[in-house]
Amino acid sequence: MLEKQPLLIPGLIAALMLLGALAPWPYGYYQLLRFVVCGVSIYVAVIAYDWQKIWVTWLFGFVAVLFNPVISIQLSRELWQRIDVICALLFVVIVFILKKPTAEKQEGE
């Protein structure tokens, strides 16, 4: 199962952490969240590029930039909470719709 869905575990971890960010945590949690979400987003973008799903590559490239831990984007807590929920949904959806192409599909393209 994990061979066809290598995004399953990292994507669900990122989604759970994003939903966990809705609760009040120490600042360190949000710093860790940035590293995890940025890293998983880059991983998703690279896998999507390899599977020739360019729209997913661009979408998760944007998420990686938004959550990058080096240059943080300053937004209100309310806006970040909305972004966290939207991005959590994106991770859950992409985990289930993005599947590794079979050899037949790759040869036929």
C-alpha atoms as a PDB file:
ATOM      1  CA  MET A   1       0.000   0.000   0.000  1.00  0.00           C
ATOM      2  CA  LEU A   2       2.770   2.442   0.866  1.00  0.00           C
ATOM      3  CA  GLU A   3       4.472   1.713  -2.445  1.00  0.00           C
ATOM      4  CA  LYS A   4       1.481   3.135  -4.318  1.00  0.00           C
ATOM      5  CA  GLN A   5       0.857   5.893  -1.770  1.00  0.00           C
ATOM      6  CA  PRO A   6       4.204   7.168  -0.467  1.00  0.00           C
ATOM      7  CA  LEU A   7       2.490  10.397   0.591  1.00  0.00           C
ATOM      8  CA  LEU A   8       0.112   8.702   3.029  1.00  0.00           C
ATOM      9  CA  ILE A   9       2.053   8.923   6.286  1.00  0.00           C
ATOM     10  CA  PRO A  10       3.844  12.273   5.741  1.00  0.00           C
ATOM     11  CA  GLY A  11       0.662  13.874   4.405  1.00  0.00           C
ATOM     12  CA  LEU A  12      -1.461  12.726   7.317  1.00  0.00           C
ATOM     13  CA  ILE A  13       1.166  13.825   9.847  1.00  0.00           C
ATOM     14  CA  ALA A  14       1.249  17.293   8.285  1.00  0.00           C
ATOM     15  CA  ALA A  15      -2.562  17.454   8.245  1.00  0.00           C
ATOM     16  CA  LEU A  16      -2.830  16.436  11.906  1.00  0.00           C
ATOM     17  CA  MET A  17      -0.183  18.952  12.938  1.00  0.00           C
ATOM     18  CA  LEU A  18      -1.981  21.695  11.001  1.00  0.00           C
ATOM     19  CA  LEU A  19      -5.257  20.885  12.727  1.00  0.00           C
ATOM     20  CA  GLY A  20      -3.420  20.709  16.047  1.00  0.00           C
ATOM     21  CA  ALA A  21      -2.244  24.273  15.458  1.00  0.00           C
ATOM     22  CA  LEU A  22      -5.804  25.467  16.105  1.00  0.00           C
ATOM     23  CA  ALA A  23      -5.201  24.909  19.829  1.00  0.00           C
ATOM     24  CA  PRO A  24      -3.072  27.320  21.862  1.00  0.00           C
ATOM     25  CA  TRP A  25       0.483  25.947  21.951  1.00  0.00           C
ATOM     26  CA  PRO A  26       3.850  27.412  22.889  1.00  0.00           C
ATOM     27  CA  TYR A  27       5.618  29.199  20.044  1.00  0.00           C
ATOM     28  CA  GLY A  28       7.949  26.217  19.576  1.00  0.00           C
ATOM     29  CA  TYR A  29       5.074  24.114  18.220  1.00  0.00           C
ATOM     30  CA  TYR A  30       4.445  26.610  15.451  1.00  0.00           C
ATOM     31  CA  GLN A  31       8.142  26.680  14.578  1.00  0.00           C
ATOM     32  CA  LEU A  32       8.150  22.877  14.356  1.00  0.00           C
ATOM     33  CA  LEU A  33       4.945  23.062  12.308  1.00  0.00           C
ATOM     34  CA  ARG A  34       6.669  25.298   9.754  1.00  0.00           C
ATOM     35  CA  PHE A  35       9.542  22.827   9.341  1.00  0.00           C
ATOM     36  CA  VAL A  36       7.240  19.812   9.026  1.00  0.00           C
ATOM     37  CA  VAL A  37       4.724  21.405   6.644  1.00  0.00           C
ATOM     38  CA  CYS A  38       7.426  22.972   4.488  1.00  0.00           C
ATOM     39  CA  GLY A  39       9.364  19.697   4.307  1.00  0.00           C
ATOM     40  CA  VAL A  40       6.322  17.565   3.528  1.00  0.00           C
ATOM     41  CA  SER A  41       5.138  20.114   0.948  1.00  0.00           C
ATOM     42  CA  ILE A  42       8.483  19.949  -0.820  1.00  0.00           C
ATOM     43  CA  TYR A  43       8.314  16.144  -0.714  1.00  0.00           C
ATOM     44  CA  VAL A  44       4.800  16.167  -2.203  1.00  0.00           C
ATOM     45  CA  ALA A  45       5.878  18.649  -4.890  1.00  0.00           C
ATOM     46  CA  VAL A  46       8.876  16.516  -5.878  1.00  0.00           C
ATOM     47  CA  ILE A  47       6.813  13.315  -6.027  1.00  0.00           C
ATOM     48  CA  ALA A  48       4.100  15.097  -8.023  1.00  0.00           C
ATOM     49  CA  TYR A  49       6.692  16.447 -10.467  1.00  0.00           C
ATOM     50  CA  ASP A  50       8.127  12.947 -10.882  1.00  0.00           C
ATOM     51  CA  TRP A  51       4.605  11.656 -11.588  1.00  0.00           C
ATOM     52  CA  GLN A  52       3.995  14.544 -14.029  1.00  0.00           C
ATOM     53  CA  LYS A  53       1.236  16.150 -11.953  1.00  0.00           C
ATOM     54  CA  ILE A  54       2.415  19.709 -12.498  1.00  0.00           C
ATOM     55  CA  TRP A  55      -0.578  21.428 -10.884  1.00  0.00           C
ATOM     56  CA  VAL A  56       0.159  19.565  -7.629  1.00  0.00           C
ATOM     57  CA  THR A  57       3.806  20.591  -7.881  1.00  0.00           C
ATOM     58  CA  TRP A  58       2.856  24.263  -8.128  1.00  0.00           C
ATOM     59  CA  LEU A  59       0.224  24.052  -5.384  1.00  0.00           C
ATOM     60  CA  PHE A  60       2.499  22.411  -2.835  1.00  0.00           C
ATOM     61  CA  GLY A  61       5.423  24.573  -3.898  1.00  0.00           C
ATOM     62  CA  PHE A  62       3.274  27.523  -2.865  1.00  0.00           C
ATOM     63  CA  VAL A  63       2.415  25.830   0.453  1.00  0.00           C
ATOM     64  CA  ALA A  64       6.140  25.230   1.061  1.00  0.00           C
ATOM     65  CA  VAL A  65       6.893  28.922   0.481  1.00  0.00           C
ATOM     66  CA  LEU A  66       4.006  29.948   2.739  1.00  0.00           C
ATOM     67  CA  PHE A  67       5.233  27.758   5.610  1.00  0.00           C
ATOM     68  CA  ASN A  68       8.970  28.187   5.037  1.00  0.00           C
ATOM     69  CA  PRO A  69      10.805  28.433   8.368  1.00  0.00           C
ATOM     70  CA  VAL A  70      13.539  30.796   7.150  1.00  0.00           C
ATOM     71  CA  ILE A  71      11.505  33.844   6.143  1.00  0.00           C
ATOM     72  CA  SER A  72       8.265  33.736   8.071  1.00  0.00           C
ATOM     73  CA  ILE A  73       5.176  35.428   6.706  1.00  0.00           C
ATOM     74  CA  GLN A  74       3.455  37.551   9.349  1.00  0.00           C
ATOM     75  CA  LEU A  75      -0.319  37.109   9.348  1.00  0.00           C
ATOM     76  CA  SER A  76      -2.985  37.370  12.036  1.00  0.00           C
ATOM     77  CA  ARG A  77      -3.764  34.301  14.155  1.00  0.00           C
ATOM     78  CA  GLU A  78      -7.266  34.121  12.700  1.00  0.00           C
ATOM     79  CA  LEU A  79      -5.941  34.103   9.138  1.00  0.00           C
ATOM     80  CA  TRP A  80      -3.310  31.485   9.982  1.00  0.00           C
ATOM     81  CA  GLN A  81      -6.021  29.277  11.478  1.00  0.00           C
ATOM     82  CA  ARG A  82      -7.992  29.431   8.234  1.00  0.00           C
ATOM     83  CA  ILE A  83      -4.859  28.687   6.216  1.00  0.00           C
ATOM     84  CA  ASP A  84      -4.041  25.766   8.536  1.00  0.00           C
ATOM     85  CA  VAL A  85      -7.470  24.200   7.981  1.00  0.00           C
ATOM     86  CA  ILE A  86      -7.324  24.701   4.195  1.00  0.00           C
ATOM     87  CA  CYS A  87      -3.818  23.229   3.986  1.00  0.00           C
ATOM     88  CA  ALA A  88      -4.794  20.286   6.222  1.00  0.00           C
ATOM     89  CA  LEU A  89      -7.654  19.542   3.828  1.00  0.00           C
ATOM     90  CA  LEU A  90      -5.263  19.831   0.872  1.00  0.00           C
ATOM     91  CA  PHE A  91      -2.929  17.264   2.425  1.00  0.00           C
ATOM     92  CA  VAL A  92      -5.770  14.843   3.177  1.00  0.00           C
ATOM     93  CA  VAL A  93      -7.238  15.192  -0.317  1.00  0.00           C
ATOM     94  CA  ILE A  94      -3.910  14.830  -2.106  1.00  0.00           C
ATOM     95  CA  VAL A  95      -3.009  11.742  -0.074  1.00  0.00           C
ATOM     96  CA  PHE A  96      -6.069   9.961  -1.429  1.00  0.00           C
ATOM     97  CA  ILE A  97      -6.231  11.280  -5.009  1.00  0.00           C
ATOM     98  CA  LEU A  98      -2.542  11.237  -5.948  1.00  0.00           C
ATOM     99  CA  LYS A  99      -1.508   7.673  -6.656  1.00  0.00           C
ATOM    100  CA  LYS A 100       1.654   6.339  -8.244  1.00  0.00           C
ATOM    101  CA  PRO A 101       1.069   5.800 -11.958  1.00  0.00           C
ATOM    102  CA  THR A 102       1.289   2.208 -13.092  1.00  0.00           C
ATOM    103  CA  ALA A 103       3.927   1.160 -15.614  1.00  0.00           C
ATOM    104  CA  GLU A 104       1.231   0.815 -18.296  1.00  0.00           C
ATOM    105  CA  LYS A 105       0.072   4.401 -17.826  1.00  0.00           C
ATOM    106  CA  GLN A 106       3.631   5.741 -17.905  1.00  0.00           C
ATOM    107  CA  GLU A 107       4.442   3.888 -21.135  1.00  0.00           C
ATOM    108  CA  GLY A 108       1.174   4.948 -22.771  1.00  0.00           C
ATOM    109  CA  GLU A 109       1.713   8.680 -22.169  1.00  0.00           C
END
